[in-house]
């Protein structure tokens, strides 16, 4: 009897010692097939250990007994990848729409978007407050990188912008952005002169700030690139550089009225030279294809039954009228520039990608941009990339790989590896085989929180109500 008791005691001690030697994690994802967006590999049979908002380890399932955790997620027959980045969103509309903008945050998470780049608006104080609270877990939403107010010329086109009328105004404008602790500088071409545009790029470069945005049509994007321009939003400005008539058209009519002729005179050989310059200087281009298509067709498509329209506040829906009225005026004037622009933009994507130009996935969602819905619109953007000739994996790189690379934080994002941030998307189906499988969200992890499909739906219902 004493011998039996001794063996029981010995087994208990050994079991306790073995159990206590197991590493502790907060979450274990088991049986995962990891999608490596950079290489295209599909890596089955993996366990991912997570502590806080960081990946603690990625191991074979045979090593799962080395860890213990209070929470486990079985990802059997599912696919695990880093969360998506939407590199062009807007929060705006003034204080009266601040709450409606805030209510959009869960929409991003519901579609697997764990990080957004806010491209300027007029509720900067609110956005900065959300950014802080999301980081501490007090608010549910994606990580936010923001430009704060846009920089524009006299009588800015958008409320909340900082007026930079002359080169002498540039230091004070950048001082204001620095005080706000913004993540990059966004320029807008409402009335910005080319001299000020170039001056902002050079001055921001000296201060270590990334620059991107719209460009005055009187300017030359390649001259901006030589001064340190880091990105360009939409394809107008790259397209202009690809026309041999750009200089003469600029002298006659330095505005968007030249775009019809720019498109008609687009030269593929000149484009190759432009793309090489953009590639060499690693200038990030955000094509925003989905909004181009949406606005080109806004008068032909009935959006009244859109599934996401009920999640958008009445105040934001009211802002959609401006784009609709603008489209009506263009139609009555016989202006088909948007349709031509949309077609040419699609044709440019594959050659730009092949040339090595870093493309960014950005939806341009937010108030004033009619029927371009947060979350869903990034999926539509990626689907437009695929329709333009990219493979699903190549399209995903424009979000998951190039998003972090723009901000030079790729050491913390972009792959499922030890030490990287645990912003993770778990999918029911493989997006490498069909980009639309991105819509099959099973769960996401963001900022140290887990959201199942059911929890995400509950959040959305709260927004809807």
Protein backbone atom coordinates (compact mmCIF):
# COMPACT_ATOMS: atom_id res chain seq x y z
CA UNK A 1 0.00 0.00 0.00
CA UNK A 2 2.86 2.34 0.90
CA UNK A 3 4.56 1.57 -2.43
CA UNK A 4 1.38 2.36 -4.37
CA UNK A 5 1.01 5.65 -2.50
CA UNK A 6 4.66 6.48 -3.29
CA UNK A 7 4.10 5.98 -7.05
CA UNK A 8 0.94 8.08 -7.00
CA UNK A 9 2.80 10.86 -5.21
CA UNK A 10 5.76 10.59 -7.59
CA UNK A 11 3.44 10.74 -10.62
CA UNK A 12 1.68 13.80 -9.18
CA UNK A 13 4.99 15.60 -8.60
CA UNK A 14 6.27 14.76 -12.08
CA UNK A 15 2.96 15.77 -13.69
CA UNK A 16 2.94 19.04 -11.75
CA UNK A 17 6.55 19.80 -12.71
CA UNK A 18 5.84 19.00 -16.34
CA UNK A 19 2.68 21.11 -16.32
CA UNK A 20 4.38 24.08 -14.65
CA UNK A 21 7.16 24.02 -17.25
CA UNK A 22 4.67 24.73 -20.03
CA UNK A 23 4.83 28.26 -21.37
CA UNK A 24 1.81 30.42 -20.74
CA UNK A 25 0.00 32.30 -23.48
CA UNK A 26 -3.29 34.15 -23.46
CA UNK A 27 -4.59 32.65 -26.71
CA UNK A 28 -3.70 29.56 -28.73
CA UNK A 29 -4.83 29.18 -32.33
CA UNK A 30 -4.67 25.49 -33.18
CA UNK A 31 -4.59 23.52 -36.45
CA UNK A 32 -4.00 26.67 -38.48
CA UNK A 33 -3.11 26.80 -42.16
CA UNK A 34 -1.03 29.97 -42.32
CA UNK A 35 -1.07 32.00 -45.52
CA UNK A 36 2.29 33.66 -46.23
CA UNK A 37 1.29 36.65 -48.36
CA UNK A 38 4.89 37.47 -49.33
CA UNK A 39 5.83 34.03 -50.64
CA UNK A 40 2.44 32.54 -51.47
CA UNK A 41 3.09 29.52 -49.24
CA UNK A 42 0.23 27.73 -47.48
CA UNK A 43 1.60 26.26 -44.25
CA UNK A 44 -0.72 23.74 -42.55
CA UNK A 45 -0.64 22.19 -39.08
CA UNK A 46 0.51 25.21 -37.11
CA UNK A 47 -0.14 26.48 -33.60
CA UNK A 48 0.03 30.22 -32.91
CA UNK A 49 0.59 31.37 -29.32
CA UNK A 50 -0.42 34.95 -28.52
CA UNK A 51 0.17 37.15 -25.48
CA UNK A 52 -1.43 40.57 -25.34
CA UNK A 53 -1.29 41.96 -28.87
CA UNK A 54 1.87 40.07 -29.87
CA UNK A 55 2.55 36.68 -31.46
CA UNK A 56 4.56 34.74 -28.88
CA UNK A 57 5.37 31.67 -30.98
CA UNK A 58 4.48 29.82 -34.18
CA UNK A 59 5.04 26.09 -33.82
CA UNK A 60 4.08 22.76 -35.34
CA UNK A 61 0.98 21.20 -33.76
CA UNK A 62 3.18 18.41 -32.38
CA UNK A 63 4.57 21.01 -29.96
CA UNK A 64 1.21 22.22 -28.67
CA UNK A 65 1.78 20.62 -25.26
CA UNK A 66 4.61 23.11 -24.69
CA UNK A 67 1.99 25.83 -24.18
CA UNK A 68 -1.10 26.40 -22.14
CA UNK A 69 -3.65 29.19 -22.46
CA UNK A 70 -6.99 30.24 -21.05
CA UNK A 71 -8.43 30.64 -24.54
CA UNK A 72 -8.05 28.38 -27.55
CA UNK A 73 -9.36 28.75 -31.10
CA UNK A 74 -9.56 25.70 -33.32
CA UNK A 75 -8.74 26.82 -36.86
CA UNK A 76 -9.04 23.36 -38.40
CA UNK A 77 -9.90 23.61 -42.11
CA UNK A 78 -9.53 27.39 -41.84
CA UNK A 79 -6.93 29.84 -43.16
CA UNK A 80 -4.98 32.32 -41.04
CA UNK A 81 -3.38 35.51 -42.34
CA UNK A 82 -2.47 39.00 -41.13
CA UNK A 83 -5.28 41.54 -40.84
CA UNK A 84 -6.01 43.82 -43.79
CA UNK A 85 -4.92 47.46 -44.13
CA UNK A 86 -7.12 50.08 -45.81
CA UNK A 87 -4.68 52.80 -46.83
CA UNK A 88 -7.17 55.53 -47.76
CA UNK A 89 -10.19 56.25 -45.56
CA UNK A 90 -11.84 59.45 -44.34
CA UNK A 91 -13.41 60.52 -41.06
CA UNK A 92 -15.05 63.89 -41.61
CA UNK A 93 -18.20 65.99 -41.71
CA UNK A 94 -17.69 68.19 -38.66
CA UNK A 95 -18.71 67.76 -35.04
CA UNK A 96 -22.33 66.99 -35.97
CA UNK A 97 -21.17 63.81 -37.75
CA UNK A 98 -18.49 62.77 -35.26
CA UNK A 99 -20.65 60.10 -33.62
CA UNK A 100 -21.74 58.69 -37.00
CA UNK A 101 -18.09 58.49 -38.04
CA UNK A 102 -17.22 56.70 -34.80
CA UNK A 103 -20.01 54.20 -35.47
CA UNK A 104 -18.23 53.19 -38.68
CA UNK A 105 -15.27 51.68 -36.79
CA UNK A 106 -16.83 48.22 -36.22
CA UNK A 107 -17.52 47.92 -39.96
CA UNK A 108 -13.80 47.79 -40.63
CA UNK A 109 -13.28 44.96 -38.14
CA UNK A 110 -16.27 43.02 -39.50
CA UNK A 111 -14.46 42.83 -42.84
CA UNK A 112 -11.09 41.84 -41.37
CA UNK A 113 -9.51 45.30 -41.58
CA UNK A 114 -7.32 45.78 -38.53
CA UNK A 115 -5.52 48.98 -39.62
CA UNK A 116 -6.60 52.08 -41.54
CA UNK A 117 -4.78 55.14 -42.85
CA UNK A 118 -6.97 58.21 -42.34
CA UNK A 119 -6.37 60.57 -45.25
CA UNK A 120 -7.48 63.80 -43.63
CA UNK A 121 -10.66 65.46 -42.45
CA UNK A 122 -12.14 68.01 -40.08
CA UNK A 123 -12.61 65.98 -36.87
CA UNK A 124 -8.94 65.42 -36.10
CA UNK A 125 -9.36 65.76 -32.32
CA UNK A 126 -11.93 62.98 -32.36
CA UNK A 127 -9.77 60.74 -34.57
CA UNK A 128 -6.74 61.21 -32.34
CA UNK A 129 -8.88 60.38 -29.30
CA UNK A 130 -10.20 57.21 -30.99
CA UNK A 131 -6.67 56.23 -31.96
CA UNK A 132 -5.58 56.47 -28.32
CA UNK A 133 -8.60 54.59 -26.94
CA UNK A 134 -8.35 51.82 -29.52
CA UNK A 135 -4.70 51.37 -28.54
CA UNK A 136 -5.61 51.00 -24.85
CA UNK A 137 -8.62 48.78 -25.49
CA UNK A 138 -11.19 51.34 -24.33
CA UNK A 139 -12.69 51.52 -27.83
CA UNK A 140 -13.26 48.80 -30.41
CA UNK A 141 -11.88 49.53 -33.85
CA UNK A 142 -8.90 49.24 -36.18
CA UNK A 143 -5.50 50.77 -35.47
CA UNK A 144 -5.51 54.27 -36.98
CA UNK A 145 -2.65 56.06 -38.72
CA UNK A 146 -3.68 59.63 -39.50
CA UNK A 147 -2.50 62.68 -41.41
CA UNK A 148 -4.63 65.01 -39.31
CA UNK A 149 -5.78 68.04 -41.33
CA UNK A 150 -4.96 68.24 -45.02
CA UNK A 151 -2.65 70.97 -46.31
CA UNK A 152 -4.31 73.06 -49.03
CA UNK A 153 -3.99 76.52 -50.56
CA UNK A 154 -6.06 79.67 -49.92
CA UNK A 155 -9.74 79.02 -49.12
CA UNK A 156 -9.23 75.26 -48.82
CA UNK A 157 -11.62 72.92 -50.61
CA UNK A 158 -12.36 70.89 -47.47
CA UNK A 159 -13.25 72.19 -43.98
CA UNK A 160 -10.60 71.62 -41.35
CA UNK A 161 -7.67 71.91 -43.77
CA UNK A 162 -4.65 74.04 -42.94
CA UNK A 163 -4.21 76.92 -45.36
CA UNK A 164 -0.75 77.12 -46.90
CA UNK A 165 -0.93 80.04 -49.31
CA UNK A 166 2.79 80.74 -49.76
CA UNK A 167 6.09 78.93 -49.15
CA UNK A 168 6.50 81.11 -46.04
CA UNK A 169 3.43 79.41 -44.51
CA UNK A 170 4.94 75.93 -44.70
CA UNK A 171 6.93 75.86 -41.41
CA UNK A 172 3.91 76.92 -39.33
CA UNK A 173 1.71 74.33 -41.05
CA UNK A 174 4.17 71.53 -40.36
CA UNK A 175 4.61 72.80 -36.78
CA UNK A 176 0.84 72.42 -36.31
CA UNK A 177 0.90 68.86 -37.65
CA UNK A 178 3.90 68.01 -35.51
CA UNK A 179 2.09 69.28 -32.42
CA UNK A 180 -0.83 66.99 -33.23
CA UNK A 181 1.60 64.06 -33.56
CA UNK A 182 0.29 62.98 -36.95
CA UNK A 183 1.75 60.01 -38.78
CA UNK A 184 2.30 61.59 -42.20
CA UNK A 185 1.48 64.69 -44.29
CA UNK A 186 -1.47 64.73 -46.70
CA UNK A 187 -1.67 67.44 -49.39
CA UNK A 188 -4.78 68.47 -51.28
CA UNK A 189 -5.03 70.36 -54.54
CA UNK A 190 -8.05 72.57 -53.96
CA UNK A 191 -5.96 75.70 -54.48
CA UNK A 192 -2.46 74.53 -53.63
CA UNK A 193 0.17 76.05 -55.92
CA UNK A 194 2.89 73.88 -57.40
CA UNK A 195 5.55 75.96 -55.60
CA UNK A 196 3.94 75.29 -52.24
CA UNK A 197 3.38 71.63 -53.16
CA UNK A 198 7.09 71.19 -53.87
CA UNK A 199 8.00 73.20 -50.78
CA UNK A 200 5.89 71.03 -48.47
CA UNK A 201 7.53 67.87 -49.81
CA UNK A 202 11.04 69.22 -49.27
CA UNK A 203 10.31 70.64 -45.80
CA UNK A 204 8.50 67.50 -44.64
CA UNK A 205 11.39 65.39 -45.91
CA UNK A 206 13.77 67.39 -43.71
CA UNK A 207 11.54 66.72 -40.68
CA UNK A 208 11.26 63.01 -41.45
CA UNK A 209 7.59 63.03 -42.42
CA UNK A 210 6.12 60.91 -45.20
CA UNK A 211 4.18 62.89 -47.83
CA UNK A 212 1.36 61.85 -50.12
CA UNK A 213 -1.93 63.20 -51.42
CA UNK A 214 -3.30 65.08 -54.39
CA UNK A 215 -1.07 67.16 -56.64
CA UNK A 216 -1.85 70.48 -58.31
CA UNK A 217 -2.34 69.71 -61.99
CA UNK A 218 0.15 72.46 -62.73
CA UNK A 219 2.87 70.39 -61.03
CA UNK A 220 4.93 67.42 -62.20
CA UNK A 221 4.81 64.29 -60.06
CA UNK A 222 8.36 63.31 -61.04
CA UNK A 223 9.69 66.63 -59.80
CA UNK A 224 7.91 65.91 -56.54
CA UNK A 225 9.51 62.47 -56.46
CA UNK A 226 12.96 64.03 -56.83
CA UNK A 227 12.20 66.19 -53.77
CA UNK A 228 11.19 63.17 -51.69
CA UNK A 229 7.48 62.57 -52.39
CA UNK A 230 6.55 59.23 -50.80
CA UNK A 231 3.15 58.57 -52.35
CA UNK A 232 0.32 59.72 -54.58
CA UNK A 233 -3.40 59.21 -54.17
CA UNK A 234 -5.49 58.17 -57.21
CA UNK A 235 -3.99 57.83 -60.69
CA UNK A 236 -4.54 61.28 -62.22
CA UNK A 237 -1.02 62.45 -61.53
CA UNK A 238 0.82 59.31 -62.65
CA UNK A 239 -1.39 59.22 -65.74
CA UNK A 240 -0.52 62.83 -66.55
CA UNK A 241 3.20 62.02 -66.45
CA UNK A 242 2.56 59.27 -69.02
CA UNK A 243 1.31 61.69 -71.70
CA UNK A 244 3.83 63.39 -74.02
CA UNK A 245 1.39 66.30 -74.25
CA UNK A 246 1.34 66.92 -70.49
CA UNK A 247 3.57 70.02 -70.58
CA UNK A 248 1.71 71.73 -73.41
CA UNK A 249 -1.68 70.91 -71.89
CA UNK A 250 -0.52 72.28 -68.54
CA UNK A 251 0.44 75.58 -70.13
CA UNK A 252 -3.00 75.91 -71.74
CA UNK A 253 -5.26 74.54 -68.99
CA UNK A 254 -3.58 73.42 -65.75
CA UNK A 255 -6.66 71.68 -64.33
CA UNK A 256 -8.63 68.43 -64.51
CA UNK A 257 -10.18 69.58 -67.77
CA UNK A 258 -7.03 68.25 -69.45
CA UNK A 259 -7.68 64.67 -68.33
CA UNK A 260 -9.66 63.61 -71.40
CA UNK A 261 -6.74 64.49 -73.64
CA UNK A 262 -4.22 63.08 -71.15
CA UNK A 263 -6.01 59.74 -71.36
CA UNK A 264 -6.25 59.89 -75.16
CA UNK A 265 -2.51 60.60 -75.50
CA UNK A 266 -1.30 58.10 -72.87
CA UNK A 267 1.95 56.58 -74.15
CA UNK A 268 2.99 53.11 -73.00
CA UNK A 269 6.71 53.61 -73.68
CA UNK A 270 6.73 56.85 -71.70
CA UNK A 271 4.74 55.06 -68.98
CA UNK A 272 7.52 52.47 -68.64
CA UNK A 273 10.00 55.26 -67.89
CA UNK A 274 7.65 56.86 -65.36
CA UNK A 275 7.02 53.52 -63.63
CA UNK A 276 10.76 52.87 -63.42
CA UNK A 277 11.27 56.20 -61.63
CA UNK A 278 8.44 55.43 -59.20
CA UNK A 279 9.88 51.98 -58.56
CA UNK A 280 13.43 53.25 -58.06
CA UNK A 281 12.29 55.85 -55.52
CA UNK A 282 9.71 53.50 -53.92
CA UNK A 283 6.82 55.91 -54.37
CA UNK A 284 3.58 54.29 -53.13
CA UNK A 285 0.59 54.71 -55.44
CA UNK A 286 -2.98 54.29 -54.18
CA UNK A 287 -5.18 53.75 -57.28
CA UNK A 288 -8.63 53.78 -55.54
CA UNK A 289 -10.24 51.79 -58.37
CA UNK A 290 -13.48 50.90 -56.58
CA UNK A 291 -14.57 54.47 -55.89
CA UNK A 292 -13.72 55.35 -59.49
CA UNK A 293 -16.11 52.65 -60.71
CA UNK A 294 -18.77 53.54 -58.13
CA UNK A 295 -18.82 57.23 -59.03
CA UNK A 296 -18.64 56.54 -62.77
CA UNK A 297 -21.80 54.43 -62.44
CA UNK A 298 -23.55 56.33 -59.65
CA UNK A 299 -26.43 57.46 -61.89
CA UNK A 300 -26.96 54.01 -63.40
CA UNK A 301 -26.86 51.87 -60.24
CA UNK A 302 -29.71 51.80 -57.72
CA UNK A 303 -28.03 51.89 -54.30
CA UNK A 304 -31.24 52.13 -52.27
CA UNK A 305 -31.13 48.40 -51.49
CA UNK A 306 -27.40 48.20 -50.67
CA UNK A 307 -26.95 45.78 -47.76
CA UNK A 308 -24.64 48.17 -45.92
CA UNK A 309 -26.71 51.33 -46.37
CA UNK A 310 -28.66 50.68 -43.12
CA UNK A 311 -25.37 50.81 -41.19
CA UNK A 312 -24.62 54.35 -42.39
CA UNK A 313 -25.96 57.30 -40.38
CA UNK A 314 -28.54 59.63 -41.91
CA UNK A 315 -26.14 62.57 -41.69
CA UNK A 316 -23.46 60.75 -43.68
CA UNK A 317 -26.04 59.59 -46.24
CA UNK A 318 -27.00 63.24 -46.72
CA UNK A 319 -23.39 63.97 -47.73
CA UNK A 320 -23.73 61.51 -50.62
CA UNK A 321 -25.92 63.96 -52.54
CA UNK A 322 -22.98 66.12 -53.60
CA UNK A 323 -21.36 63.41 -55.72
CA UNK A 324 -24.71 62.51 -57.27
CA UNK A 325 -25.39 66.12 -58.26
CA UNK A 326 -21.87 66.42 -59.66
CA UNK A 327 -22.45 63.30 -61.79
CA UNK A 328 -25.72 64.74 -63.09
CA UNK A 329 -23.98 67.97 -64.12
CA UNK A 330 -21.22 66.02 -65.88
CA UNK A 331 -23.77 63.90 -67.72
CA UNK A 332 -25.78 66.90 -68.92
CA UNK A 333 -22.54 68.50 -70.14
CA UNK A 334 -21.58 65.32 -72.01
CA UNK A 335 -18.46 64.81 -69.87
CA UNK A 336 -17.49 61.11 -69.82
CA UNK A 337 -14.09 61.61 -68.20
CA UNK A 338 -14.85 59.41 -65.17
CA UNK A 339 -15.70 56.43 -67.37
CA UNK A 340 -12.54 56.86 -69.46
CA UNK A 341 -10.49 57.37 -66.31
CA UNK A 342 -11.86 54.19 -64.77
CA UNK A 343 -11.02 52.13 -67.85
CA UNK A 344 -7.49 53.52 -68.24
CA UNK A 345 -6.80 53.04 -64.53
CA UNK A 346 -7.63 49.36 -64.81
CA UNK A 347 -5.26 49.02 -67.77
CA UNK A 348 -2.38 50.58 -65.81
CA UNK A 349 -2.41 48.23 -62.78
CA UNK A 350 -0.66 45.16 -64.23
CA UNK A 351 2.13 47.14 -65.96
CA UNK A 352 2.74 49.17 -62.80
CA UNK A 353 2.88 46.05 -60.67
CA UNK A 354 5.20 44.31 -63.14
CA UNK A 355 7.49 47.35 -63.10
CA UNK A 356 7.81 47.11 -59.32
CA UNK A 357 5.79 50.21 -58.39
CA UNK A 358 4.50 49.66 -54.82
CA UNK A 359 0.71 49.81 -55.01
CA UNK A 360 -1.50 50.42 -51.99
CA UNK A 361 -5.04 49.17 -51.43
CA UNK A 362 -7.19 52.12 -50.39
CA UNK A 363 -10.95 52.41 -50.59
CA UNK A 364 -11.50 56.19 -50.13
CA UNK A 365 -14.53 55.32 -48.00
CA UNK A 366 -16.21 57.79 -45.68
CA UNK A 367 -18.62 60.73 -45.71
CA UNK A 368 -19.11 62.54 -49.03
CA UNK A 369 -17.91 59.54 -51.04
CA UNK A 370 -21.25 58.12 -52.10
CA UNK A 371 -21.96 54.42 -51.47
CA UNK A 372 -18.34 53.56 -50.76
CA UNK A 373 -18.82 51.69 -47.50
CA UNK A 374 -16.19 51.16 -44.78
CA UNK A 375 -14.90 47.59 -44.74
CA UNK A 376 -16.73 46.23 -47.74
CA UNK A 377 -15.19 48.77 -50.10
CA UNK A 378 -11.66 47.52 -49.42
CA UNK A 379 -12.75 44.03 -50.45
CA UNK A 380 -14.19 45.56 -53.61
CA UNK A 381 -10.90 47.40 -54.19
CA UNK A 382 -8.93 44.16 -53.95
CA UNK A 383 -11.41 42.50 -56.29
CA UNK A 384 -10.86 45.34 -58.79
CA UNK A 385 -7.10 44.70 -58.58
CA UNK A 386 -7.74 41.06 -59.49
CA UNK A 387 -10.10 42.09 -62.30
CA UNK A 388 -7.28 44.28 -63.63
CA UNK A 389 -4.92 41.32 -63.91
CA UNK A 390 -3.31 40.75 -60.51
CA UNK A 391 -3.49 37.36 -58.83
CA UNK A 392 -5.33 37.26 -55.47
CA UNK A 393 -2.01 37.01 -53.63
CA UNK A 394 -0.57 39.97 -55.52
CA UNK A 395 -3.67 41.97 -54.66
CA UNK A 396 -3.34 41.04 -50.98
CA UNK A 397 0.26 42.30 -50.98
CA UNK A 398 -1.02 45.83 -51.74
CA UNK A 399 -2.79 45.76 -48.37
CA UNK A 400 -1.01 43.38 -46.00
CA UNK A 401 2.62 43.92 -47.13
CA UNK A 402 2.72 47.40 -48.68
CA UNK A 403 0.51 49.04 -46.04
CA UNK A 404 3.01 48.50 -43.22
CA UNK A 405 5.92 49.15 -45.61
CA UNK A 406 4.67 52.68 -46.34
CA UNK A 407 5.06 53.52 -42.65
CA UNK A 408 8.24 51.43 -42.34
CA UNK A 409 6.68 49.19 -39.67
CA UNK A 410 7.02 45.94 -41.63
CA UNK A 411 9.06 44.46 -38.77
CA UNK A 412 5.85 44.45 -36.71
CA UNK A 413 3.24 43.60 -39.35
CA UNK A 414 2.65 41.72 -42.58
CA UNK A 415 3.15 38.08 -41.58
CA UNK A 416 2.31 35.49 -38.92
CA UNK A 417 5.65 35.30 -37.13
CA UNK A 418 7.00 35.41 -33.60
CA UNK A 419 7.28 38.99 -32.32
CA UNK A 420 4.85 40.49 -34.82
CA UNK A 421 1.59 42.13 -33.88
CA UNK A 422 -1.27 39.69 -33.47
CA UNK A 423 -3.65 41.41 -35.87
CA UNK A 424 -4.98 38.20 -37.38
CA UNK A 425 -7.73 37.25 -39.78
CA UNK A 426 -9.19 33.73 -39.69
CA UNK A 427 -11.06 32.76 -42.85
CA UNK A 428 -13.35 29.87 -43.74
CA UNK A 429 -12.00 29.67 -47.28
CA UNK A 430 -8.68 30.34 -48.99
CA UNK A 431 -8.38 33.82 -50.63
CA UNK A 432 -5.39 32.64 -52.69
CA UNK A 433 -7.81 30.63 -54.81
CA UNK A 434 -10.53 33.32 -54.93
CA UNK A 435 -10.15 36.87 -53.61
CA UNK A 436 -13.86 36.87 -52.71
CA UNK A 437 -13.09 34.31 -50.00
CA UNK A 438 -11.81 37.26 -47.95
CA UNK A 439 -15.48 37.89 -47.21
CA UNK A 440 -15.69 34.52 -45.39
CA UNK A 441 -14.52 35.85 -42.03
CA UNK A 442 -14.60 33.33 -39.17
CA UNK A 443 -12.89 35.47 -36.52
CA UNK A 444 -10.38 38.26 -36.13
CA UNK A 445 -7.87 39.28 -33.50
CA UNK A 446 -7.11 42.99 -33.18
CA UNK A 447 -5.39 45.01 -30.47
CA UNK A 448 -5.38 42.07 -28.07
CA UNK A 449 -9.09 41.30 -28.51
CA UNK A 450 -10.82 38.33 -30.16
CA UNK A 451 -13.99 38.78 -32.18
CA UNK A 452 -15.90 35.76 -33.44
CA UNK A 453 -18.16 36.05 -36.48
CA UNK A 454 -21.15 36.13 -34.11
CA UNK A 455 -19.64 38.90 -31.98
CA UNK A 456 -18.85 40.94 -35.07
CA UNK A 457 -22.45 40.57 -36.22
CA UNK A 458 -23.71 41.69 -32.81
CA UNK A 459 -21.53 44.81 -33.06
CA UNK A 460 -22.94 45.55 -36.49
CA UNK A 461 -26.51 45.17 -35.26
CA UNK A 462 -25.77 47.73 -32.54
CA UNK A 463 -24.53 50.16 -35.20
CA UNK A 464 -27.58 49.42 -37.35
CA UNK A 465 -29.93 50.21 -34.48
